[in-house]
Amino acid sequence: MKRLDVISPGVLATVQDLGRPGLAGLGVGWSGAADRAALRLANRLAGNAEGAPAVEVTFGGLVVRAVDPLVVVVTGAVCPITVDGRPEPVNTVLRLRAGAELRLGQPSRGLRSYLAVRGGLDLPTVLGSASTDVLAGIGPRSLAAGDVLRVAEPRHPLSDVDFAPVPQPRDDELELRVWLGPRDDWFTAEAVAALGREPFEVTSDSDRVGMRLAGPVLDRHREGELPSEGTVRGALQVPPSGHPTLFLADHPVTGGYPVIAVVLADDVDRAAQARPGTRLRFRVVPRTW
């Protein structure tokens, strides 16, 4: 079986696939890749099933060595990539010789990069997934120097496409579509209007669980406590401070603060690439049901 050695994990590197859907009733979150679109693209280019396990790298710094000849792809955040010191592009099929060293630098755009290996990573699964859930502590631990990643045998042919042009969003501002509710009736009319009118900023207090946002205070008009209820990826939960938190991949499955709106699934992928200091705007769109 082919292998990939971890020389340095960088700030944070975890194994992620498409997570554990459908288990919230058992108290198990979905987890999986923070930017699912980037993971799917990496796997498609590598000739894998879209949900094959890959490495999610936060803010670069990953260094790995191919023990055997490997085909790899890096997608997501635009970062400097070198193979044995030679620059290589993102969103491109790369062929590594045995002993080759792959390095990911700090991204110039975005926050999370995805390294897929042809065949997919071969790791034990927990409840049907190899994803690391940093909140629940389910799945493999975060990668560390000295780890050896086993690579499964390819099950699908390699795509004829070896490069995928991906439009890059603005670095300074990101617009996210939201559906209001389910608890927008807990907030003043001005708070609901401000959500769709005023900018918010991603703070440094952000991780795979969620991102805390600075901006206008979203005041309630309804007092009292809300019984804990189920939450979803993309929920904008508002604690008593009035500053919302946008839930990401490893969010808790229940919460006791009201959710004023929910970001559409495709836009949560883009939100997961927002680094601290990025300005967000929310555009309220009609519900489709």
C-alpha atoms as a PDB file:
ATOM      1  CA  MET A   1       0.000   0.000   0.000  1.00  0.00           C
ATOM      2  CA  LYS A   2       1.309   3.460  -0.927  1.00  0.00           C
ATOM      3  CA  ARG A   3       2.105   5.977   1.814  1.00  0.00           C
ATOM      4  CA  LEU A   4       2.478   9.679   2.477  1.00  0.00           C
ATOM      5  CA  ASP A   5       4.622  10.912   5.397  1.00  0.00           C
ATOM      6  CA  VAL A   6       3.676  14.051   7.345  1.00  0.00           C
ATOM      7  CA  ILE A   7       6.775  16.196   7.943  1.00  0.00           C
ATOM      8  CA  SER A   8       4.873  19.183   9.376  1.00  0.00           C
ATOM      9  CA  PRO A   9       1.102  19.686   9.790  1.00  0.00           C
ATOM     10  CA  GLY A  10       1.243  23.478   9.825  1.00  0.00           C
ATOM     11  CA  VAL A  11      -1.238  25.366  12.031  1.00  0.00           C
ATOM     12  CA  LEU A  12      -3.925  22.676  11.784  1.00  0.00           C
ATOM     13  CA  ALA A  13      -4.333  19.743   9.426  1.00  0.00           C
ATOM     14  CA  THR A  14      -7.128  17.192   9.764  1.00  0.00           C
ATOM     15  CA  VAL A  15      -8.553  14.372   7.695  1.00  0.00           C
ATOM     16  CA  GLN A  16     -11.965  15.220   6.285  1.00  0.00           C
ATOM     17  CA  ASP A  17     -14.512  13.634   3.987  1.00  0.00           C
ATOM     18  CA  LEU A  18     -18.198  14.525   3.574  1.00  0.00           C
ATOM     19  CA  GLY A  19     -18.964  13.781   7.218  1.00  0.00           C
ATOM     20  CA  ARG A  20     -21.685  11.951   9.144  1.00  0.00           C
ATOM     21  CA  PRO A  21     -25.068  13.128   7.882  1.00  0.00           C
ATOM     22  CA  GLY A  22     -28.297  11.987   9.460  1.00  0.00           C
ATOM     23  CA  LEU A  23     -27.036  11.316  12.988  1.00  0.00           C
ATOM     24  CA  ALA A  24     -28.056  14.518  14.772  1.00  0.00           C
ATOM     25  CA  GLY A  25     -30.863  12.650  16.496  1.00  0.00           C
ATOM     26  CA  LEU A  26     -28.170  10.568  18.185  1.00  0.00           C
ATOM     27  CA  GLY A  27     -26.255  13.682  19.221  1.00  0.00           C
ATOM     28  CA  VAL A  28     -23.609  13.268  16.491  1.00  0.00           C
ATOM     29  CA  GLY A  29     -22.853  16.249  14.281  1.00  0.00           C
ATOM     30  CA  TRP A  30     -22.354  16.169  10.512  1.00  0.00           C
ATOM     31  CA  SER A  31     -18.738  17.455  10.564  1.00  0.00           C
ATOM     32  CA  GLY A  32     -16.756  16.812   7.356  1.00  0.00           C
ATOM     33  CA  ALA A  33     -14.949  19.314   5.167  1.00  0.00           C
ATOM     34  CA  ALA A  34     -15.569  22.958   6.046  1.00  0.00           C
ATOM     35  CA  ASP A  35     -15.547  23.781   2.306  1.00  0.00           C
ATOM     36  CA  ARG A  36     -17.315  20.802   0.756  1.00  0.00           C
ATOM     37  CA  ALA A  37     -17.115  22.179  -2.776  1.00  0.00           C
ATOM     38  CA  ALA A  38     -13.307  22.377  -2.574  1.00  0.00           C
ATOM     39  CA  LEU A  39     -13.075  18.803  -1.248  1.00  0.00           C
ATOM     40  CA  ARG A  40     -15.331  17.507  -4.028  1.00  0.00           C
ATOM     41  CA  LEU A  41     -13.269  19.294  -6.680  1.00  0.00           C
ATOM     42  CA  ALA A  42      -9.980  17.907  -5.330  1.00  0.00           C
ATOM     43  CA  ASN A  43     -11.344  14.374  -5.389  1.00  0.00           C
ATOM     44  CA  ARG A  44     -12.842  14.690  -8.866  1.00  0.00           C
ATOM     45  CA  LEU A  45      -9.533  15.896 -10.291  1.00  0.00           C
ATOM     46  CA  ALA A  46      -7.725  13.056  -8.502  1.00  0.00           C
ATOM     47  CA  GLY A  47     -10.118  10.458  -9.919  1.00  0.00           C
ATOM     48  CA  ASN A  48     -11.685   9.660  -6.551  1.00  0.00           C
ATOM     49  CA  ALA A  49     -15.239   9.444  -5.323  1.00  0.00           C
ATOM     50  CA  GLU A  50     -16.259  12.972  -4.281  1.00  0.00           C
ATOM     51  CA  GLY A  51     -16.406  12.032  -0.598  1.00  0.00           C
ATOM     52  CA  ALA A  52     -13.033  10.280  -0.345  1.00  0.00           C
ATOM     53  CA  PRO A  53     -10.987  11.273   2.736  1.00  0.00           C
ATOM     54  CA  ALA A  54      -8.445  14.043   2.121  1.00  0.00           C
ATOM     55  CA  VAL A  55      -6.400  16.472   4.219  1.00  0.00           C
ATOM     56  CA  GLU A  56      -7.903  19.825   5.202  1.00  0.00           C
ATOM     57  CA  VAL A  57      -5.114  22.353   5.847  1.00  0.00           C
ATOM     58  CA  THR A  58      -5.824  25.571   7.755  1.00  0.00           C
ATOM     59  CA  PHE A  59      -3.665  28.533   6.714  1.00  0.00           C
ATOM     60  CA  GLY A  60      -0.945  26.509   5.018  1.00  0.00           C
ATOM     61  CA  GLY A  61       2.221  25.107   6.491  1.00  0.00           C
ATOM     62  CA  LEU A  62       1.654  21.452   5.570  1.00  0.00           C
ATOM     63  CA  VAL A  63       4.769  19.545   4.456  1.00  0.00           C
ATOM     64  CA  VAL A  64       4.461  15.924   3.290  1.00  0.00           C
ATOM     65  CA  ARG A  65       6.756  13.434   1.576  1.00  0.00           C
ATOM     66  CA  ALA A  66       5.607  10.825  -0.928  1.00  0.00           C
ATOM     67  CA  VAL A  67       7.029   7.456   0.087  1.00  0.00           C
ATOM     68  CA  ASP A  68       5.786   6.062  -3.246  1.00  0.00           C
ATOM     69  CA  PRO A  69       4.872   7.683  -6.577  1.00  0.00           C
ATOM     70  CA  LEU A  70       1.567   9.499  -6.065  1.00  0.00           C
ATOM     71  CA  VAL A  71      -0.928  11.690  -7.896  1.00  0.00           C
ATOM     72  CA  VAL A  72      -2.227  14.578  -5.768  1.00  0.00           C
ATOM     73  CA  VAL A  73      -4.386  17.697  -6.095  1.00  0.00           C
ATOM     74  CA  VAL A  74      -4.566  20.859  -3.950  1.00  0.00           C
ATOM     75  CA  THR A  75      -7.737  22.963  -4.032  1.00  0.00           C
ATOM     76  CA  GLY A  76      -9.442  25.563  -1.844  1.00  0.00           C
ATOM     77  CA  ALA A  77      -7.424  28.501  -0.525  1.00  0.00           C
ATOM     78  CA  VAL A  78      -4.939  29.859  -3.044  1.00  0.00           C
ATOM     79  CA  CYS A  79      -1.551  29.111  -1.502  1.00  0.00           C
ATOM     80  CA  PRO A  80       2.047  28.719  -2.719  1.00  0.00           C
ATOM     81  CA  ILE A  81       2.688  25.072  -3.602  1.00  0.00           C
ATOM     82  CA  THR A  82       6.130  23.595  -4.197  1.00  0.00           C
ATOM     83  CA  VAL A  83       7.219  20.085  -5.137  1.00  0.00           C
ATOM     84  CA  ASP A  84      10.924  19.638  -4.339  1.00  0.00           C
ATOM     85  CA  GLY A  85      11.182  23.438  -4.416  1.00  0.00           C
ATOM     86  CA  ARG A  86       9.473  23.771  -7.815  1.00  0.00           C
ATOM     87  CA  PRO A  87       6.363  26.025  -7.822  1.00  0.00           C
ATOM     88  CA  GLU A  88       3.103  24.350  -8.809  1.00  0.00           C
ATOM     89  CA  PRO A  89      -0.465  25.699  -9.234  1.00  0.00           C
ATOM     90  CA  VAL A  90      -3.629  24.963  -7.271  1.00  0.00           C
ATOM     91  CA  ASN A  91      -6.541  23.054  -8.799  1.00  0.00           C
ATOM     92  CA  THR A  92      -4.137  20.999 -10.904  1.00  0.00           C
ATOM     93  CA  VAL A  93      -3.225  17.307 -11.058  1.00  0.00           C
ATOM     94  CA  LEU A  94       0.340  16.915  -9.702  1.00  0.00           C
ATOM     95  CA  ARG A  95       2.483  13.815 -10.041  1.00  0.00           C
ATOM     96  CA  LEU A  96       4.944  13.151  -7.226  1.00  0.00           C
ATOM     97  CA  ARG A  97       7.922  10.835  -7.588  1.00  0.00           C
ATOM     98  CA  ALA A  98       8.911   8.594  -4.697  1.00  0.00           C
ATOM     99  CA  GLY A  99      10.665  10.766  -2.129  1.00  0.00           C
ATOM    100  CA  ALA A 100       9.230  14.048  -3.434  1.00  0.00           C
ATOM    101  CA  GLU A 101       8.413  16.723  -0.846  1.00  0.00           C
ATOM    102  CA  LEU A 102       5.226  18.763  -1.187  1.00  0.00           C
ATOM    103  CA  ARG A 103       4.902  22.062   0.704  1.00  0.00           C
ATOM    104  CA  LEU A 104       1.917  24.380   1.126  1.00  0.00           C
ATOM    105  CA  GLY A 105       2.701  27.970   2.076  1.00  0.00           C
ATOM    106  CA  GLN A 106       0.403  30.524   3.685  1.00  0.00           C
ATOM    107  CA  PRO A 107      -2.520  31.278   1.365  1.00  0.00           C
ATOM    108  CA  SER A 108      -2.809  34.621  -0.353  1.00  0.00           C
ATOM    109  CA  ARG A 109      -6.573  34.134  -0.542  1.00  0.00           C
ATOM    110  CA  GLY A 110      -8.859  32.007   1.565  1.00  0.00           C
ATOM    111  CA  LEU A 111      -8.144  30.005   4.682  1.00  0.00           C
ATOM    112  CA  ARG A 112      -8.501  26.250   4.049  1.00  0.00           C
ATOM    113  CA  SER A 113      -6.790  24.111   1.421  1.00  0.00           C
ATOM    114  CA  TYR A 114      -7.531  20.491   0.535  1.00  0.00           C
ATOM    115  CA  LEU A 115      -4.962  17.870  -0.409  1.00  0.00           C
ATOM    116  CA  ALA A 116      -6.476  14.860  -2.165  1.00  0.00           C
ATOM    117  CA  VAL A 117      -4.401  11.816  -3.111  1.00  0.00           C
ATOM    118  CA  ARG A 118      -5.429   9.531  -5.950  1.00  0.00           C
ATOM    119  CA  GLY A 119      -7.096   6.522  -4.339  1.00  0.00           C
ATOM    120  CA  GLY A 120      -8.065   8.517  -1.236  1.00  0.00           C
ATOM    121  CA  LEU A 121      -6.623   8.207   2.247  1.00  0.00           C
ATOM    122  CA  ASP A 122      -7.151   4.833   3.911  1.00  0.00           C
ATOM    123  CA  LEU A 123      -8.170   5.400   7.540  1.00  0.00           C
ATOM    124  CA  PRO A 124     -10.538   3.700   9.981  1.00  0.00           C
ATOM    125  CA  THR A 125     -14.015   5.202  10.012  1.00  0.00           C
ATOM    126  CA  VAL A 126     -16.161   6.171  12.991  1.00  0.00           C
ATOM    127  CA  LEU A 127     -19.911   6.045  12.327  1.00  0.00           C
ATOM    128  CA  GLY A 128     -19.238   5.808   8.620  1.00  0.00           C
ATOM    129  CA  SER A 129     -16.776   8.681   8.276  1.00  0.00           C
ATOM    130  CA  ALA A 130     -13.045   9.343   8.635  1.00  0.00           C
ATOM    131  CA  SER A 131     -13.653  13.031   9.432  1.00  0.00           C
ATOM    132  CA  THR A 132     -12.162  14.713  12.471  1.00  0.00           C
ATOM    133  CA  ASP A 133     -14.825  16.492  14.521  1.00  0.00           C
ATOM    134  CA  VAL A 134     -12.847  18.916  16.687  1.00  0.00           C
ATOM    135  CA  LEU A 135     -15.828  19.762  18.926  1.00  0.00           C
ATOM    136  CA  ALA A 136     -17.054  16.231  19.648  1.00  0.00           C
ATOM    137  CA  GLY A 137     -13.633  14.577  19.533  1.00  0.00           C
ATOM    138  CA  ILE A 138     -14.879  11.966  17.064  1.00  0.00           C
ATOM    139  CA  GLY A 139     -12.634  10.573  14.336  1.00  0.00           C
ATOM    140  CA  PRO A 140      -8.852  10.623  13.955  1.00  0.00           C
ATOM    141  CA  ARG A 141      -6.859  13.224  15.852  1.00  0.00           C
ATOM    142  CA  SER A 142      -5.342  16.204  14.065  1.00  0.00           C
ATOM    143  CA  LEU A 143      -2.269  15.341  12.026  1.00  0.00           C
ATOM    144  CA  ALA A 144       1.163  15.601  13.629  1.00  0.00           C
ATOM    145  CA  ALA A 145       4.750  15.430  12.410  1.00  0.00           C
ATOM    146  CA  GLY A 146       5.749  11.796  11.925  1.00  0.00           C
ATOM    147  CA  ASP A 147       2.275  10.558  10.968  1.00  0.00           C
ATOM    148  CA  VAL A 148       2.096   8.113   8.087  1.00  0.00           C
ATOM    149  CA  LEU A 149      -0.960   8.319   5.838  1.00  0.00           C
ATOM    150  CA  ARG A 150      -1.859   5.180   3.938  1.00  0.00           C
ATOM    151  CA  VAL A 151      -3.291   5.589   0.446  1.00  0.00           C
ATOM    152  CA  ALA A 152      -6.024   3.298  -0.888  1.00  0.00           C
ATOM    153  CA  GLU A 153      -5.960   1.730  -4.326  1.00  0.00           C
ATOM    154  CA  PRO A 154      -7.754   3.820  -6.971  1.00  0.00           C
ATOM    155  CA  ARG A 155     -11.256   2.640  -7.826  1.00  0.00           C
ATOM    156  CA  HIS A 156     -12.049   5.111 -10.584  1.00  0.00           C
ATOM    157  CA  PRO A 157     -10.215   6.215 -13.747  1.00  0.00           C
ATOM    158  CA  LEU A 158      -8.246   9.440 -13.631  1.00  0.00           C
ATOM    159  CA  SER A 159     -10.152  12.334 -15.170  1.00  0.00           C
ATOM    160  CA  ASP A 160      -9.111  13.644 -18.581  1.00  0.00           C
ATOM    161  CA  VAL A 161      -9.209  17.117 -17.009  1.00  0.00           C
ATOM    162  CA  ASP A 162      -5.995  18.023 -15.178  1.00  0.00           C
ATOM    163  CA  PHE A 163      -6.810  21.649 -14.320  1.00  0.00           C
ATOM    164  CA  ALA A 164      -9.969  23.399 -13.075  1.00  0.00           C
ATOM    165  CA  PRO A 165     -10.145  27.201 -13.258  1.00  0.00           C
ATOM    166  CA  VAL A 166     -11.935  28.440 -10.150  1.00  0.00           C
ATOM    167  CA  PRO A 167     -13.090  32.086  -9.838  1.00  0.00           C
ATOM    168  CA  GLN A 168     -11.575  33.740  -6.790  1.00  0.00           C
ATOM    169  CA  PRO A 169     -13.774  35.890  -4.519  1.00  0.00           C
ATOM    170  CA  ARG A 170     -12.794  39.303  -3.249  1.00  0.00           C
ATOM    171  CA  ASP A 171     -10.581  39.209  -0.179  1.00  0.00           C
ATOM    172  CA  ASP A 172     -12.111  42.188   1.589  1.00  0.00           C
ATOM    173  CA  GLU A 173     -15.848  41.467   1.375  1.00  0.00           C
ATOM    174  CA  LEU A 174     -18.069  38.423   0.965  1.00  0.00           C
ATOM    175  CA  GLU A 175     -21.817  38.364   0.333  1.00  0.00           C
ATOM    176  CA  LEU A 176     -23.736  35.423   1.772  1.00  0.00           C
ATOM    177  CA  ARG A 177     -27.359  34.563   1.035  1.00  0.00           C
ATOM    178  CA  VAL A 178     -29.574  33.809   4.049  1.00  0.00           C
ATOM    179  CA  TRP A 179     -33.074  32.613   4.806  1.00  0.00           C
ATOM    180  CA  LEU A 180     -34.631  34.381   7.777  1.00  0.00           C
ATOM    181  CA  GLY A 181     -35.671  32.233  10.727  1.00  0.00           C
ATOM    182  CA  PRO A 182     -36.518  30.119  12.427  1.00  0.00           C
ATOM    183  CA  ARG A 183     -36.376  32.605  15.329  1.00  0.00           C
ATOM    184  CA  ASP A 184     -36.236  35.988  13.571  1.00  0.00           C
ATOM    185  CA  ASP A 185     -39.472  36.828  15.441  1.00  0.00           C
ATOM    186  CA  TRP A 186     -37.403  37.064  18.635  1.00  0.00           C
ATOM    187  CA  PHE A 187     -35.607  40.141  17.264  1.00  0.00           C
ATOM    188  CA  THR A 188     -36.595  43.746  16.743  1.00  0.00           C
ATOM    189  CA  ALA A 189     -37.523  44.917  13.258  1.00  0.00           C
ATOM    190  CA  GLU A 190     -34.403  47.081  13.269  1.00  0.00           C
ATOM    191  CA  ALA A 191     -32.183  44.081  14.096  1.00  0.00           C
ATOM    192  CA  VAL A 192     -33.644  42.064  11.210  1.00  0.00           C
ATOM    193  CA  ALA A 193     -33.177  45.033   8.873  1.00  0.00           C
ATOM    194  CA  ALA A 194     -29.599  45.561  10.084  1.00  0.00           C
ATOM    195  CA  LEU A 195     -28.749  41.925   9.355  1.00  0.00           C
ATOM    196  CA  GLY A 196     -29.414  42.497   5.669  1.00  0.00           C
ATOM    197  CA  ARG A 197     -28.100  46.062   5.538  1.00  0.00           C
ATOM    198  CA  GLU A 198     -24.976  46.423   7.682  1.00  0.00           C
ATOM    199  CA  PRO A 199     -21.562  44.748   7.272  1.00  0.00           C
ATOM    200  CA  PHE A 200     -20.131  42.289   9.792  1.00  0.00           C
ATOM    201  CA  GLU A 201     -16.494  41.315  10.300  1.00  0.00           C
ATOM    202  CA  VAL A 202     -14.998  37.879  10.941  1.00  0.00           C
ATOM    203  CA  THR A 203     -13.131  37.940  14.261  1.00  0.00           C
ATOM    204  CA  SER A 204     -10.083  35.917  15.268  1.00  0.00           C
ATOM    205  CA  ASP A 205     -12.333  33.892  17.584  1.00  0.00           C
ATOM    206  CA  SER A 206     -13.241  31.487  14.782  1.00  0.00           C
ATOM    207  CA  ASP A 207     -12.571  27.825  14.027  1.00  0.00           C
ATOM    208  CA  ARG A 208     -14.215  24.768  12.459  1.00  0.00           C
ATOM    209  CA  VAL A 209     -17.055  25.021  14.982  1.00  0.00           C
ATOM    210  CA  GLY A 210     -18.058  28.528  13.949  1.00  0.00           C
ATOM    211  CA  MET A 211     -17.013  32.111  13.382  1.00  0.00           C
ATOM    212  CA  ARG A 212     -17.881  34.939  15.723  1.00  0.00           C
ATOM    213  CA  LEU A 213     -18.813  38.147  13.970  1.00  0.00           C
ATOM    214  CA  ALA A 214     -18.349  41.766  14.987  1.00  0.00           C
ATOM    215  CA  GLY A 215     -20.804  44.376  13.788  1.00  0.00           C
ATOM    216  CA  PRO A 216     -24.173  45.849  14.697  1.00  0.00           C
ATOM    217  CA  VAL A 217     -25.795  44.495  17.834  1.00  0.00           C
ATOM    218  CA  LEU A 218     -28.885  42.446  16.968  1.00  0.00           C
ATOM    219  CA  ASP A 219     -31.309  43.336  19.742  1.00  0.00           C
ATOM    220  CA  ARG A 220     -34.177  41.124  20.863  1.00  0.00           C
ATOM    221  CA  HIS A 221     -37.686  42.341  21.599  1.00  0.00           C
ATOM    222  CA  ARG A 222     -38.598  39.045  23.265  1.00  0.00           C
ATOM    223  CA  GLU A 223     -37.325  38.232  26.733  1.00  0.00           C
ATOM    224  CA  GLY A 224     -36.838  34.862  28.359  1.00  0.00           C
ATOM    225  CA  GLU A 225     -34.956  31.707  27.528  1.00  0.00           C
ATOM    226  CA  LEU A 226     -35.334  29.526  24.463  1.00  0.00           C
ATOM    227  CA  PRO A 227     -35.338  25.754  25.116  1.00  0.00           C
ATOM    228  CA  SER A 228     -32.445  24.008  23.384  1.00  0.00           C
ATOM    229  CA  GLU A 229     -33.338  22.998  19.837  1.00  0.00           C
ATOM    230  CA  GLY A 230     -31.547  21.509  16.869  1.00  0.00           C
ATOM    231  CA  THR A 231     -29.044  23.594  14.945  1.00  0.00           C
ATOM    232  CA  VAL A 232     -27.637  23.282  11.442  1.00  0.00           C
ATOM    233  CA  ARG A 233     -24.520  24.223   9.517  1.00  0.00           C
ATOM    234  CA  GLY A 234     -24.938  27.838   8.431  1.00  0.00           C
ATOM    235  CA  ALA A 235     -27.120  28.870  11.390  1.00  0.00           C
ATOM    236  CA  LEU A 236     -26.616  32.449  12.616  1.00  0.00           C
ATOM    237  CA  GLN A 237     -27.088  32.046  16.354  1.00  0.00           C
ATOM    238  CA  VAL A 238     -27.277  35.207  18.452  1.00  0.00           C
ATOM    239  CA  PRO A 239     -26.192  35.076  22.125  1.00  0.00           C
ATOM    240  CA  PRO A 240     -27.166  37.770  24.677  1.00  0.00           C
ATOM    241  CA  SER A 241     -24.281  39.988  23.475  1.00  0.00           C
ATOM    242  CA  GLY A 242     -26.174  40.510  20.210  1.00  0.00           C
ATOM    243  CA  HIS A 243     -23.144  39.541  18.096  1.00  0.00           C
ATOM    244  CA  PRO A 244     -23.952  36.514  15.912  1.00  0.00           C
ATOM    245  CA  THR A 245     -21.980  33.317  15.496  1.00  0.00           C
ATOM    246  CA  LEU A 246     -22.050  31.548  12.124  1.00  0.00           C
ATOM    247  CA  PHE A 247     -21.965  27.786  12.648  1.00  0.00           C
ATOM    248  CA  LEU A 248     -19.574  25.797  10.446  1.00  0.00           C
ATOM    249  CA  ALA A 249     -18.818  22.084   9.981  1.00  0.00           C
ATOM    250  CA  ASP A 250     -18.277  21.047  13.618  1.00  0.00           C
ATOM    251  CA  HIS A 251     -21.136  23.035  15.145  1.00  0.00           C
ATOM    252  CA  PRO A 252     -23.042  21.672  18.163  1.00  0.00           C
ATOM    253  CA  VAL A 253     -26.175  19.716  17.304  1.00  0.00           C
ATOM    254  CA  THR A 254     -28.342  21.758  19.708  1.00  0.00           C
ATOM    255  CA  GLY A 255     -28.309  25.326  20.948  1.00  0.00           C
ATOM    256  CA  GLY A 256     -30.242  27.516  23.345  1.00  0.00           C
ATOM    257  CA  TYR A 257     -29.813  30.904  21.683  1.00  0.00           C
ATOM    258  CA  PRO A 258     -32.222  32.063  18.959  1.00  0.00           C
ATOM    259  CA  VAL A 259     -31.189  31.624  15.310  1.00  0.00           C
ATOM    260  CA  ILE A 260     -32.079  34.741  13.347  1.00  0.00           C
ATOM    261  CA  ALA A 261     -31.216  33.295   9.920  1.00  0.00           C
ATOM    262  CA  VAL A 262     -29.494  30.426   8.126  1.00  0.00           C
ATOM    263  CA  VAL A 263     -26.852  30.817   5.410  1.00  0.00           C
ATOM    264  CA  LEU A 264     -27.544  28.772   2.265  1.00  0.00           C
ATOM    265  CA  ALA A 265     -25.434  25.601   2.027  1.00  0.00           C
ATOM    266  CA  ASP A 266     -23.380  26.636  -1.024  1.00  0.00           C
ATOM    267  CA  ASP A 267     -22.527  29.941   0.626  1.00  0.00           C
ATOM    268  CA  VAL A 268     -21.369  28.239   3.839  1.00  0.00           C
ATOM    269  CA  ASP A 269     -18.556  26.703   1.736  1.00  0.00           C
ATOM    270  CA  ARG A 270     -17.462  30.209   0.768  1.00  0.00           C
ATOM    271  CA  ALA A 271     -17.844  31.445   4.339  1.00  0.00           C
ATOM    272  CA  ALA A 272     -15.480  28.696   5.519  1.00  0.00           C
ATOM    273  CA  GLN A 273     -12.733  30.369   3.465  1.00  0.00           C
ATOM    274  CA  ALA A 274     -13.162  33.762   5.167  1.00  0.00           C
ATOM    275  CA  ARG A 275     -10.188  34.671   7.307  1.00  0.00           C
ATOM    276  CA  PRO A 276     -10.291  37.046  10.295  1.00  0.00           C
ATOM    277  CA  GLY A 277     -10.818  40.617   9.158  1.00  0.00           C
ATOM    278  CA  THR A 278     -12.982  39.672   6.182  1.00  0.00           C
ATOM    279  CA  ARG A 279     -16.147  41.754   5.913  1.00  0.00           C
ATOM    280  CA  LEU A 280     -19.405  39.838   5.430  1.00  0.00           C
ATOM    281  CA  ARG A 281     -22.725  41.055   4.119  1.00  0.00           C
ATOM    282  CA  PHE A 282     -25.900  39.012   4.344  1.00  0.00           C
ATOM    283  CA  ARG A 283     -28.492  39.127   1.574  1.00  0.00           C
ATOM    284  CA  VAL A 284     -31.921  37.919   2.623  1.00  0.00           C
ATOM    285  CA  VAL A 285     -33.544  35.747  -0.048  1.00  0.00           C
ATOM    286  CA  PRO A 286     -37.051  34.224  -0.160  1.00  0.00           C
ATOM    287  CA  ARG A 287     -37.462  30.695   1.082  1.00  0.00           C
ATOM    288  CA  THR A 288     -37.926  28.108  -1.649  1.00  0.00           C
ATOM    289  CA  TRP A 289     -40.521  26.006   0.156  1.00  0.00           C
END
